[in-house]
Amino acid sequence: MKEFEYTITDELGIHARPAGLLVKKAAEFASTVSVDNGTKKGDAKKIMSLMMMAVKQGQTVKFTIEGPDEDAAAQALEAFMKENL
C-alpha cells in the first residue's frame, strides 16, 4: 500500500475538468485508488465520487493506492496532482 498527501492549490479546488482528468489517470492503473479529505472518502476512478467530496483550495487530501502497480500509480498520480491541482 502506498500513500501520499497533497494540498490543493487550484483556486476552484477539485472541479469538473481536473476531476475528469484525474479519473482518466487513475484508470490507467490496476490498483485501487482512494482519496480522503478527512471527512469524506472517494474512489479516484469515479468522477461523481470525487465531485461529491467538494474539495476546496487549501484542503489536504490523502491518496491511498493498493494493488499490483501501486508504486507506478503513486508516482504518476502525485506528479499529476502537482501539475494540475
PDB file of N, CA and C in Angstrom:
ATOM      1  N   MET A   1       0.847  -1.180   0.000  1.00  0.00           N
ATOM      2  CA  MET A   1       0.000   0.000   0.000  1.00  0.00           C
ATOM      3  C   MET A   1       0.891   1.242   0.000  1.00  0.00           C
ATOM      4  N   LYS A   2       0.555   2.168  -0.846  1.00  0.00           N
ATOM      5  CA  LYS A   2       1.273   3.444  -0.937  1.00  0.00           C
ATOM      6  C   LYS A   2       0.313   4.567  -0.575  1.00  0.00           C
ATOM      7  N   GLU A   3       0.838   5.582   0.079  1.00  0.00           N
ATOM      8  CA  GLU A   3       0.033   6.752   0.446  1.00  0.00           C
ATOM      9  C   GLU A   3       0.841   8.019   0.209  1.00  0.00           C
ATOM     10  N   PHE A   4       0.130   9.074  -0.146  1.00  0.00           N
ATOM     11  CA  PHE A   4       0.743  10.400  -0.192  1.00  0.00           C
ATOM     12  C   PHE A   4      -0.339  11.438   0.044  1.00  0.00           C
ATOM     13  N   GLU A   5       0.081  12.590   0.518  1.00  0.00           N
ATOM     14  CA  GLU A   5      -0.853  13.692   0.761  1.00  0.00           C
ATOM     15  C   GLU A   5      -0.523  14.829  -0.178  1.00  0.00           C
ATOM     16  N   TYR A   6      -1.559  15.579  -0.532  1.00  0.00           N
ATOM     17  CA  TYR A   6      -1.384  16.730  -1.406  1.00  0.00           C
ATOM     18  C   TYR A   6      -2.349  17.824  -0.977  1.00  0.00           C
ATOM     19  N   THR A   7      -1.850  19.046  -0.885  1.00  0.00           N
ATOM     20  CA  THR A   7      -2.695  20.199  -0.555  1.00  0.00           C
ATOM     21  C   THR A   7      -3.102  20.882  -1.859  1.00  0.00           C
ATOM     22  N   ILE A   8      -4.400  21.028  -2.058  1.00  0.00           N
ATOM     23  CA  ILE A   8      -4.957  21.585  -3.294  1.00  0.00           C
ATOM     24  C   ILE A   8      -4.600  23.066  -3.409  1.00  0.00           C
ATOM     25  N   THR A   9      -3.998  23.430  -4.534  1.00  0.00           N
ATOM     26  CA  THR A   9      -3.621  24.831  -4.757  1.00  0.00           C
ATOM     27  C   THR A   9      -4.529  25.514  -5.777  1.00  0.00           C
ATOM     28  N   ASP A  10      -5.258  24.744  -6.578  1.00  0.00           N
ATOM     29  CA  ASP A  10      -6.169  25.308  -7.575  1.00  0.00           C
ATOM     30  C   ASP A  10      -7.245  26.126  -6.857  1.00  0.00           C
ATOM     31  N   GLU A  11      -7.478  27.354  -7.312  1.00  0.00           N
ATOM     32  CA  GLU A  11      -8.439  28.231  -6.629  1.00  0.00           C
ATOM     33  C   GLU A  11      -9.869  27.696  -6.652  1.00  0.00           C
ATOM     34  N   LEU A  12     -10.182  26.795  -7.583  1.00  0.00           N
ATOM     35  CA  LEU A  12     -11.518  26.211  -7.655  1.00  0.00           C
ATOM     36  C   LEU A  12     -11.609  24.848  -6.974  1.00  0.00           C
ATOM     37  N   GLY A  13     -10.491  24.368  -6.433  1.00  0.00           N
ATOM     38  CA  GLY A  13     -10.487  23.055  -5.795  1.00  0.00           C
ATOM     39  C   GLY A  13     -10.542  21.956  -6.850  1.00  0.00           C
ATOM     40  N   ILE A  14     -11.046  20.791  -6.452  1.00  0.00           N
ATOM     41  CA  ILE A  14     -11.201  19.698  -7.416  1.00  0.00           C
ATOM     42  C   ILE A  14     -12.553  19.893  -8.090  1.00  0.00           C
ATOM     43  N   HIS A  15     -12.525  20.534  -9.251  1.00  0.00           N
ATOM     44  CA  HIS A  15     -13.753  20.798 -10.001  1.00  0.00           C
ATOM     45  C   HIS A  15     -13.808  19.867 -11.208  1.00  0.00           C
ATOM     46  N   ALA A  16     -14.798  20.013 -12.055  1.00  0.00           N
ATOM     47  CA  ALA A  16     -15.114  19.050 -13.108  1.00  0.00           C
ATOM     48  C   ALA A  16     -13.946  18.702 -14.037  1.00  0.00           C
ATOM     49  N   ARG A  17     -13.273  19.699 -14.588  1.00  0.00           N
ATOM     50  CA  ARG A  17     -12.220  19.409 -15.561  1.00  0.00           C
ATOM     51  C   ARG A  17     -11.082  18.599 -14.953  1.00  0.00           C
ATOM     52  N   PRO A  18     -10.446  19.063 -13.866  1.00  0.00           N
ATOM     53  CA  PRO A  18      -9.356  18.255 -13.305  1.00  0.00           C
ATOM     54  C   PRO A  18      -9.837  16.931 -12.701  1.00  0.00           C
ATOM     55  N   ALA A  19     -11.063  16.885 -12.215  1.00  0.00           N
ATOM     56  CA  ALA A  19     -11.599  15.628 -11.683  1.00  0.00           C
ATOM     57  C   ALA A  19     -11.694  14.594 -12.798  1.00  0.00           C
ATOM     58  N   GLY A  20     -12.148  15.016 -13.961  1.00  0.00           N
ATOM     59  CA  GLY A  20     -12.233  14.112 -15.112  1.00  0.00           C
ATOM     60  C   GLY A  20     -10.863  13.615 -15.535  1.00  0.00           C
ATOM     61  N   LEU A  21      -9.890  14.511 -15.538  1.00  0.00           N
ATOM     62  CA  LEU A  21      -8.525  14.123 -15.896  1.00  0.00           C
ATOM     63  C   LEU A  21      -7.933  13.177 -14.850  1.00  0.00           C
ATOM     64  N   LEU A  22      -8.239  13.424 -13.586  1.00  0.00           N
ATOM     65  CA  LEU A  22      -7.750  12.558 -12.513  1.00  0.00           C
ATOM     66  C   LEU A  22      -8.334  11.151 -12.642  1.00  0.00           C
ATOM     67  N   VAL A  23      -9.608  11.070 -12.972  1.00  0.00           N
ATOM     68  CA  VAL A  23     -10.260   9.765 -13.167  1.00  0.00           C
ATOM     69  C   VAL A  23      -9.574   9.001 -14.308  1.00  0.00           C
ATOM     70  N   LYS A  24      -9.278   9.699 -15.395  1.00  0.00           N
ATOM     71  CA  LYS A  24      -8.611   9.055 -16.527  1.00  0.00           C
ATOM     72  C   LYS A  24      -7.222   8.559 -16.138  1.00  0.00           C
ATOM     73  N   LYS A  25      -6.502   9.367 -15.382  1.00  0.00           N
ATOM     74  CA  LYS A  25      -5.158   8.981 -14.955  1.00  0.00           C
ATOM     75  C   LYS A  25      -5.219   7.772 -14.022  1.00  0.00           C
ATOM     76  N   ALA A  26      -6.134   7.793 -13.063  1.00  0.00           N
ATOM     77  CA  ALA A  26      -6.260   6.679 -12.112  1.00  0.00           C
ATOM     78  C   ALA A  26      -6.680   5.397 -12.816  1.00  0.00           C
ATOM     79  N   ALA A  27      -7.494   5.529 -13.868  1.00  0.00           N
ATOM     80  CA  ALA A  27      -7.985   4.358 -14.610  1.00  0.00           C
ATOM     81  C   ALA A  27      -6.883   3.656 -15.395  1.00  0.00           C
ATOM     82  N   GLU A  28      -5.744   4.307 -15.557  1.00  0.00           N
ATOM     83  CA  GLU A  28      -4.623   3.695 -16.276  1.00  0.00           C
ATOM     84  C   GLU A  28      -3.988   2.559 -15.471  1.00  0.00           C
ATOM     85  N   PHE A  29      -4.327   2.463 -14.194  1.00  0.00           N
ATOM     86  CA  PHE A  29      -3.679   1.507 -13.309  1.00  0.00           C
ATOM     87  C   PHE A  29      -4.665   0.478 -12.774  1.00  0.00           C
ATOM     88  N   ALA A  30      -4.157  -0.716 -12.515  1.00  0.00           N
ATOM     89  CA  ALA A  30      -4.993  -1.796 -11.981  1.00  0.00           C
ATOM     90  C   ALA A  30      -5.270  -1.605 -10.493  1.00  0.00           C
ATOM     91  N   SER A  31      -4.408  -0.894  -9.809  1.00  0.00           N
ATOM     92  CA  SER A  31      -4.553  -0.687  -8.370  1.00  0.00           C
ATOM     93  C   SER A  31      -5.797   0.123  -8.031  1.00  0.00           C
ATOM     94  N   THR A  32      -6.329  -0.089  -6.826  1.00  0.00           N
ATOM     95  CA  THR A  32      -7.430   0.742  -6.345  1.00  0.00           C
ATOM     96  C   THR A  32      -6.833   2.049  -5.834  1.00  0.00           C
ATOM     97  N   VAL A  33      -7.532   3.136  -6.097  1.00  0.00           N
ATOM     98  CA  VAL A  33      -7.056   4.460  -5.691  1.00  0.00           C
ATOM     99  C   VAL A  33      -8.185   5.157  -4.948  1.00  0.00           C
ATOM    100  N   SER A  34      -7.951   5.448  -3.669  1.00  0.00           N
ATOM    101  CA  SER A  34      -8.969   6.174  -2.914  1.00  0.00           C
ATOM    102  C   SER A  34      -8.404   7.517  -2.467  1.00  0.00           C
ATOM    103  N   VAL A  35      -9.302   8.476  -2.314  1.00  0.00           N
ATOM    104  CA  VAL A  35      -8.945   9.834  -1.909  1.00  0.00           C
ATOM    105  C   VAL A  35      -9.753  10.165  -0.659  1.00  0.00           C
ATOM    106  N   ASP A  36      -9.083  10.708   0.348  1.00  0.00           N
ATOM    107  CA  ASP A  36      -9.728  11.022   1.624  1.00  0.00           C
ATOM    108  C   ASP A  36      -9.424  12.476   1.976  1.00  0.00           C
ATOM    109  N   ASN A  37     -10.467  13.274   2.236  1.00  0.00           N
ATOM    110  CA  ASN A  37     -10.236  14.676   2.603  1.00  0.00           C
ATOM    111  C   ASN A  37     -10.418  14.918   4.106  1.00  0.00           C
ATOM    112  N   GLY A  38     -10.479  13.854   4.874  1.00  0.00           N
ATOM    113  CA  GLY A  38     -10.635  13.980   6.316  1.00  0.00           C
ATOM    114  C   GLY A  38     -12.058  13.753   6.783  1.00  0.00           C
ATOM    115  N   THR A  39     -13.022  14.100   5.944  1.00  0.00           N
ATOM    116  CA  THR A  39     -14.422  13.889   6.307  1.00  0.00           C
ATOM    117  C   THR A  39     -15.130  12.937   5.344  1.00  0.00           C
ATOM    118  N   LYS A  40     -14.641  12.905   4.096  1.00  0.00           N
ATOM    119  CA  LYS A  40     -15.241  12.035   3.087  1.00  0.00           C
ATOM    120  C   LYS A  40     -14.148  11.268   2.367  1.00  0.00           C
ATOM    121  N   LYS A  41     -14.503  10.075   1.901  1.00  0.00           N
ATOM    122  CA  LYS A  41     -13.576   9.251   1.153  1.00  0.00           C
ATOM    123  C   LYS A  41     -14.210   8.920  -0.187  1.00  0.00           C
ATOM    124  N   GLY A  42     -13.410   8.987  -1.256  1.00  0.00           N
ATOM    125  CA  GLY A  42     -13.947   8.726  -2.581  1.00  0.00           C
ATOM    126  C   GLY A  42     -13.050   7.834  -3.402  1.00  0.00           C
ATOM    127  N   ASP A  43     -13.610   7.255  -4.438  1.00  0.00           N
ATOM    128  CA  ASP A  43     -12.891   6.413  -5.387  1.00  0.00           C
ATOM    129  C   ASP A  43     -12.377   7.319  -6.511  1.00  0.00           C
ATOM    130  N   ALA A  44     -11.068   7.342  -6.708  1.00  0.00           N
ATOM    131  CA  ALA A  44     -10.475   8.230  -7.712  1.00  0.00           C
ATOM    132  C   ALA A  44     -10.777   7.788  -9.139  1.00  0.00           C
ATOM    133  N   LYS A  45     -11.406   6.638  -9.310  1.00  0.00           N
ATOM    134  CA  LYS A  45     -11.756   6.165 -10.650  1.00  0.00           C
ATOM    135  C   LYS A  45     -13.207   6.482 -11.001  1.00  0.00           C
ATOM    136  N   LYS A  46     -13.906   7.209 -10.110  1.00  0.00           N
ATOM    137  CA  LYS A  46     -15.312   7.567 -10.337  1.00  0.00           C
ATOM    138  C   LYS A  46     -15.482   9.071 -10.160  1.00  0.00           C
ATOM    139  N   ILE A  47     -15.849   9.759 -11.221  1.00  0.00           N
ATOM    140  CA  ILE A  47     -15.924  11.220 -11.191  1.00  0.00           C
ATOM    141  C   ILE A  47     -16.941  11.733 -10.174  1.00  0.00           C
ATOM    142  N   MET A  48     -18.081  11.092 -10.074  1.00  0.00           N
ATOM    143  CA  MET A  48     -19.094  11.571  -9.120  1.00  0.00           C
ATOM    144  C   MET A  48     -18.608  11.426  -7.683  1.00  0.00           C
ATOM    145  N   SER A  49     -17.839  10.388  -7.430  1.00  0.00           N
ATOM    146  CA  SER A  49     -17.274  10.179  -6.105  1.00  0.00           C
ATOM    147  C   SER A  49     -16.347  11.342  -5.734  1.00  0.00           C
ATOM    148  N   LEU A  50     -15.534  11.773  -6.697  1.00  0.00           N
ATOM    149  CA  LEU A  50     -14.623  12.900  -6.458  1.00  0.00           C
ATOM    150  C   LEU A  50     -15.384  14.219  -6.313  1.00  0.00           C
ATOM    151  N   MET A  51     -16.355  14.430  -7.174  1.00  0.00           N
ATOM    152  CA  MET A  51     -17.102  15.685  -7.146  1.00  0.00           C
ATOM    153  C   MET A  51     -17.896  15.845  -5.851  1.00  0.00           C
ATOM    154  N   MET A  52     -18.440  14.740  -5.330  1.00  0.00           N
ATOM    155  CA  MET A  52     -19.240  14.807  -4.103  1.00  0.00           C
ATOM    156  C   MET A  52     -18.393  15.119  -2.870  1.00  0.00           C
ATOM    157  N   MET A  53     -17.077  14.952  -2.988  1.00  0.00           N
ATOM    158  CA  MET A  53     -16.193  15.283  -1.863  1.00  0.00           C
ATOM    159  C   MET A  53     -16.086  16.797  -1.675  1.00  0.00           C
ATOM    160  N   ALA A  54     -16.321  17.560  -2.736  1.00  0.00           N
ATOM    161  CA  ALA A  54     -16.292  19.032  -2.705  1.00  0.00           C
ATOM    162  C   ALA A  54     -15.008  19.573  -2.075  1.00  0.00           C
ATOM    163  N   VAL A  55     -13.873  19.118  -2.587  1.00  0.00           N
ATOM    164  CA  VAL A  55     -12.575  19.544  -2.055  1.00  0.00           C
ATOM    165  C   VAL A  55     -12.264  20.957  -2.542  1.00  0.00           C
ATOM    166  N   LYS A  56     -11.939  21.831  -1.606  1.00  0.00           N
ATOM    167  CA  LYS A  56     -11.668  23.246  -1.897  1.00  0.00           C
ATOM    168  C   LYS A  56     -10.172  23.536  -1.840  1.00  0.00           C
ATOM    169  N   GLN A  57      -9.791  24.709  -2.346  1.00  0.00           N
ATOM    170  CA  GLN A  57      -8.407  25.158  -2.287  1.00  0.00           C
ATOM    171  C   GLN A  57      -7.940  25.192  -0.832  1.00  0.00           C
ATOM    172  N   GLY A  58      -6.727  24.724  -0.594  1.00  0.00           N
ATOM    173  CA  GLY A  58      -6.150  24.738   0.741  1.00  0.00           C
ATOM    174  C   GLY A  58      -6.388  23.459   1.536  1.00  0.00           C
ATOM    175  N   GLN A  59      -7.324  22.622   1.082  1.00  0.00           N
ATOM    176  CA  GLN A  59      -7.566  21.356   1.773  1.00  0.00           C
ATOM    177  C   GLN A  59      -6.503  20.342   1.384  1.00  0.00           C
ATOM    178  N   THR A  60      -6.147  19.489   2.329  1.00  0.00           N
ATOM    179  CA  THR A  60      -5.190  18.422   2.066  1.00  0.00           C
ATOM    180  C   THR A  60      -5.957  17.122   1.880  1.00  0.00           C
ATOM    181  N   VAL A  61      -5.634  16.417   0.811  1.00  0.00           N
ATOM    182  CA  VAL A  61      -6.251  15.121   0.543  1.00  0.00           C
ATOM    183  C   VAL A  61      -5.187  14.039   0.638  1.00  0.00           C
ATOM    184  N   LYS A  62      -5.611  12.870   1.082  1.00  0.00           N
ATOM    185  CA  LYS A  62      -4.694  11.738   1.205  1.00  0.00           C
ATOM    186  C   LYS A  62      -5.092  10.682   0.190  1.00  0.00           C
ATOM    187  N   PHE A  63      -4.136  10.287  -0.625  1.00  0.00           N
ATOM    188  CA  PHE A  63      -4.335   9.235  -1.605  1.00  0.00           C
ATOM    189  C   PHE A  63      -3.824   7.922  -1.030  1.00  0.00           C
ATOM    190  N   THR A  64      -4.608   6.869  -1.199  1.00  0.00           N
ATOM    191  CA  THR A  64      -4.188   5.527  -0.806  1.00  0.00           C
ATOM    192  C   THR A  64      -4.300   4.650  -2.041  1.00  0.00           C
ATOM    193  N   ILE A  65      -3.166   4.051  -2.420  1.00  0.00           N
ATOM    194  CA  ILE A  65      -3.109   3.227  -3.614  1.00  0.00           C
ATOM    195  C   ILE A  65      -2.712   1.817  -3.203  1.00  0.00           C
ATOM    196  N   GLU A  66      -3.492   0.851  -3.660  1.00  0.00           N
ATOM    197  CA  GLU A  66      -3.228  -0.530  -3.283  1.00  0.00           C
ATOM    198  C   GLU A  66      -3.455  -1.449  -4.475  1.00  0.00           C
ATOM    199  N   GLY A  67      -2.441  -2.240  -4.810  1.00  0.00           N
ATOM    200  CA  GLY A  67      -2.576  -3.172  -5.912  1.00  0.00           C
ATOM    201  C   GLY A  67      -1.247  -3.522  -6.548  1.00  0.00           C
ATOM    202  N   PRO A  68      -1.293  -4.221  -7.663  1.00  0.00           N
ATOM    203  CA  PRO A  68      -0.069  -4.733  -8.285  1.00  0.00           C
ATOM    204  C   PRO A  68       0.859  -3.658  -8.862  1.00  0.00           C
ATOM    205  N   ASP A  69       0.327  -2.522  -9.237  1.00  0.00           N
ATOM    206  CA  ASP A  69       1.157  -1.452  -9.815  1.00  0.00           C
ATOM    207  C   ASP A  69       1.112  -0.186  -8.961  1.00  0.00           C
ATOM    208  N   GLU A  70       1.023  -0.382  -7.639  1.00  0.00           N
ATOM    209  CA  GLU A  70       0.851   0.758  -6.732  1.00  0.00           C
ATOM    210  C   GLU A  70       2.018   1.738  -6.760  1.00  0.00           C
ATOM    211  N   ASP A  71       3.237   1.254  -6.953  1.00  0.00           N
ATOM    212  CA  ASP A  71       4.391   2.161  -6.983  1.00  0.00           C
ATOM    213  C   ASP A  71       4.297   3.128  -8.164  1.00  0.00           C
ATOM    214  N   ALA A  72       4.058   2.576  -9.342  1.00  0.00           N
ATOM    215  CA  ALA A  72       3.936   3.409 -10.544  1.00  0.00           C
ATOM    216  C   ALA A  72       2.731   4.332 -10.450  1.00  0.00           C
ATOM    217  N   ALA A  73       1.626   3.822  -9.925  1.00  0.00           N
ATOM    218  CA  ALA A  73       0.410   4.626  -9.790  1.00  0.00           C
ATOM    219  C   ALA A  73       0.636   5.798  -8.838  1.00  0.00           C
ATOM    220  N   ALA A  74       1.283   5.542  -7.712  1.00  0.00           N
ATOM    221  CA  ALA A  74       1.531   6.607  -6.732  1.00  0.00           C
ATOM    222  C   ALA A  74       2.395   7.708  -7.336  1.00  0.00           C
ATOM    223  N   GLN A  75       3.447   7.317  -8.046  1.00  0.00           N
ATOM    224  CA  GLN A  75       4.327   8.312  -8.668  1.00  0.00           C
ATOM    225  C   GLN A  75       3.576   9.133  -9.716  1.00  0.00           C
ATOM    226  N   ALA A  76       2.819   8.456 -10.568  1.00  0.00           N
ATOM    227  CA  ALA A  76       2.101   9.140 -11.636  1.00  0.00           C
ATOM    228  C   ALA A  76       1.016  10.068 -11.089  1.00  0.00           C
ATOM    229  N   LEU A  77       0.288   9.617 -10.092  1.00  0.00           N
ATOM    230  CA  LEU A  77      -0.788  10.433  -9.535  1.00  0.00           C
ATOM    231  C   LEU A  77      -0.254  11.629  -8.758  1.00  0.00           C
ATOM    232  N   GLU A  78       0.846  11.437  -8.045  1.00  0.00           N
ATOM    233  CA  GLU A  78       1.437  12.570  -7.327  1.00  0.00           C
ATOM    234  C   GLU A  78       1.924  13.623  -8.317  1.00  0.00           C
ATOM    235  N   ALA A  79       2.551  13.192  -9.393  1.00  0.00           N
ATOM    236  CA  ALA A  79       3.009  14.124 -10.438  1.00  0.00           C
ATOM    237  C   ALA A  79       1.811  14.824 -11.073  1.00  0.00           C
ATOM    238  N   PHE A  80       0.737  14.070 -11.339  1.00  0.00           N
ATOM    239  CA  PHE A  80      -0.478  14.650 -11.920  1.00  0.00           C
ATOM    240  C   PHE A  80      -1.047  15.747 -11.016  1.00  0.00           C
ATOM    241  N   MET A  81      -1.135  15.480  -9.720  1.00  0.00           N
ATOM    242  CA  MET A  81      -1.678  16.467  -8.786  1.00  0.00           C
ATOM    243  C   MET A  81      -0.840  17.741  -8.782  1.00  0.00           C
ATOM    244  N   LYS A  82       0.475  17.609  -8.790  1.00  0.00           N
ATOM    245  CA  LYS A  82       1.352  18.780  -8.777  1.00  0.00           C
ATOM    246  C   LYS A  82       1.192  19.610 -10.046  1.00  0.00           C
ATOM    247  N   GLU A  83       0.964  18.947 -11.170  1.00  0.00           N
ATOM    248  CA  GLU A  83       0.838  19.646 -12.451  1.00  0.00           C
ATOM    249  C   GLU A  83      -0.534  20.283 -12.650  1.00  0.00           C
ATOM    250  N   ASN A  84      -1.588  19.670 -12.088  1.00  0.00           N
ATOM    251  CA  ASN A  84      -2.957  20.077 -12.413  1.00  0.00           C
ATOM    252  C   ASN A  84      -3.761  20.691 -11.273  1.00  0.00           C
ATOM    253  N   LEU A  85      -3.415  20.417 -10.047  1.00  0.00           N
ATOM    254  CA  LEU A  85      -4.218  20.914  -8.945  1.00  0.00           C
ATOM    255  C   LEU A  85      -3.366  21.564  -7.875  1.00  0.00           C
TER     256      LEU A  85
END
